[in-house]
Amino acid sequence: MTLVVVSIVIASTLVVNYLKKEEVKRVDILVNAIKFQQEVTTPSL
């Protein structure tokens, strides 16, 4: 029983960490896309 609980805790921790990393990547992509759009609409000389 204890082993099951421990493995569930470890699994959920790994999943949460993975999702956090993915979320950070998505935010990065979003920020880059916004910057790119701003550069396209107002080209910096």
N, C-alpha and C. Protein backbone atom coordinates (compact mmCIF):
# COMPACT_ATOMS: atom_id res chain seq x y z
N MET A 1 0.83 -1.21 0.00
CA MET A 1 0.00 0.00 0.00
C MET A 1 0.87 1.26 0.00
N THR A 2 1.89 1.27 0.87
CA THR A 2 2.77 2.44 0.96
C THR A 2 3.50 2.68 -0.35
N LEU A 3 3.93 1.58 -0.98
CA LEU A 3 4.66 1.69 -2.25
C LEU A 3 3.78 2.36 -3.31
N VAL A 4 2.51 1.99 -3.34
CA VAL A 4 1.57 2.59 -4.30
C VAL A 4 1.46 4.09 -4.07
N VAL A 5 1.30 4.48 -2.82
CA VAL A 5 1.18 5.90 -2.48
C VAL A 5 2.43 6.66 -2.90
N VAL A 6 3.59 6.09 -2.58
CA VAL A 6 4.86 6.73 -2.92
C VAL A 6 4.99 6.90 -4.43
N SER A 7 4.66 5.85 -5.17
CA SER A 7 4.78 5.93 -6.64
C SER A 7 3.81 6.95 -7.21
N ILE A 8 2.61 7.05 -6.63
CA ILE A 8 1.64 8.05 -7.10
C ILE A 8 2.19 9.46 -6.85
N VAL A 9 2.75 9.67 -5.67
CA VAL A 9 3.31 10.99 -5.33
C VAL A 9 4.44 11.34 -6.30
N ILE A 10 5.34 10.39 -6.54
CA ILE A 10 6.47 10.63 -7.45
C ILE A 10 5.96 10.92 -8.86
N ALA A 11 4.99 10.12 -9.32
CA ALA A 11 4.44 10.31 -10.66
C ALA A 11 3.81 11.69 -10.80
N SER A 12 3.00 12.08 -9.82
CA SER A 12 2.34 13.39 -9.92
C SER A 12 3.35 14.52 -9.86
N THR A 13 4.41 14.36 -9.07
CA THR A 13 5.46 15.38 -9.01
C THR A 13 6.13 15.53 -10.38
N LEU A 14 6.45 14.40 -11.01
CA LEU A 14 7.08 14.43 -12.33
C LEU A 14 6.15 15.09 -13.34
N VAL A 15 4.88 14.74 -13.30
CA VAL A 15 3.90 15.31 -14.24
C VAL A 15 3.82 16.82 -14.05
N VAL A 16 3.73 17.25 -12.79
CA VAL A 16 3.63 18.69 -12.50
C VAL A 16 4.87 19.42 -13.01
N ASN A 17 6.05 18.86 -12.74
CA ASN A 17 7.30 19.49 -13.22
C ASN A 17 7.31 19.58 -14.74
N TYR A 18 6.88 18.50 -15.41
CA TYR A 18 6.83 18.47 -16.87
C TYR A 18 5.89 19.55 -17.39
N LEU A 19 4.71 19.63 -16.78
CA LEU A 19 3.72 20.62 -17.23
C LEU A 19 4.25 22.04 -17.01
N LYS A 20 4.95 22.26 -15.90
CA LYS A 20 5.53 23.59 -15.65
C LYS A 20 6.52 23.94 -16.75
N LYS A 21 7.39 22.99 -17.11
CA LYS A 21 8.37 23.23 -18.18
C LYS A 21 7.66 23.54 -19.49
N GLU A 22 6.64 22.74 -19.83
CA GLU A 22 5.89 22.95 -21.06
C GLU A 22 5.23 24.33 -21.04
N GLU A 23 4.67 24.71 -19.89
CA GLU A 23 4.01 26.00 -19.76
C GLU A 23 5.01 27.12 -20.01
N VAL A 24 6.21 27.00 -19.43
CA VAL A 24 7.26 28.01 -19.62
C VAL A 24 7.60 28.12 -21.10
N LYS A 25 7.73 26.96 -21.77
CA LYS A 25 8.03 26.96 -23.21
C LYS A 25 6.94 27.70 -23.97
N ARG A 26 5.67 27.41 -23.63
CA ARG A 26 4.55 28.05 -24.31
C ARG A 26 4.59 29.55 -24.10
N VAL A 27 4.86 29.97 -22.87
CA VAL A 27 4.93 31.40 -22.56
C VAL A 27 6.05 32.04 -23.38
N ASP A 28 7.20 31.38 -23.46
CA ASP A 28 8.32 31.88 -24.26
C ASP A 28 7.91 32.07 -25.71
N ILE A 29 7.26 31.04 -26.27
CA ILE A 29 6.82 31.11 -27.67
C ILE A 29 5.85 32.27 -27.85
N LEU A 30 4.91 32.42 -26.90
CA LEU A 30 3.92 33.49 -26.96
C LEU A 30 4.60 34.85 -26.92
N VAL A 31 5.55 35.02 -26.00
CA VAL A 31 6.27 36.29 -25.87
C VAL A 31 7.02 36.60 -27.16
N ASN A 32 7.70 35.59 -27.71
CA ASN A 32 8.44 35.79 -28.96
C ASN A 32 7.50 36.16 -30.10
N ALA A 33 6.34 35.51 -30.16
CA ALA A 33 5.36 35.81 -31.21
C ALA A 33 4.88 37.25 -31.08
N ILE A 34 4.61 37.69 -29.85
CA ILE A 34 4.14 39.07 -29.63
C ILE A 34 5.23 40.05 -30.05
N LYS A 35 6.47 39.79 -29.65
CA LYS A 35 7.58 40.67 -30.03
C LYS A 35 7.70 40.74 -31.55
N PHE A 36 7.60 39.55 -32.19
CA PHE A 36 7.72 39.48 -33.64
C PHE A 36 6.62 40.31 -34.30
N GLN A 37 5.39 40.17 -33.82
CA GLN A 37 4.26 40.92 -34.38
C GLN A 37 4.50 42.42 -34.24
N GLN A 38 4.98 42.84 -33.06
CA GLN A 38 5.24 44.26 -32.83
C GLN A 38 6.31 44.77 -33.79
N GLU A 39 7.34 43.95 -34.02
CA GLU A 39 8.40 44.36 -34.95
C GLU A 39 7.87 44.47 -36.36
N VAL A 40 6.95 43.57 -36.73
CA VAL A 40 6.38 43.59 -38.08
C VAL A 40 5.52 44.83 -38.27
N THR A 41 4.66 45.15 -37.28
CA THR A 41 3.75 46.29 -37.42
C THR A 41 4.51 47.60 -37.30
N THR A 42 5.49 47.67 -36.39
CA THR A 42 6.30 48.88 -36.24
C THR A 42 7.76 48.50 -36.41
N PRO A 43 8.25 48.50 -37.65
CA PRO A 43 9.64 48.10 -37.90
C PRO A 43 10.62 49.07 -37.24
N SER A 44 11.54 48.51 -36.46
CA SER A 44 12.55 49.34 -35.81
C SER A 44 13.66 49.66 -36.80
N LEU A 45 14.02 50.93 -36.87
CA LEU A 45 15.05 51.35 -37.83
C LEU A 45 16.42 51.32 -37.19
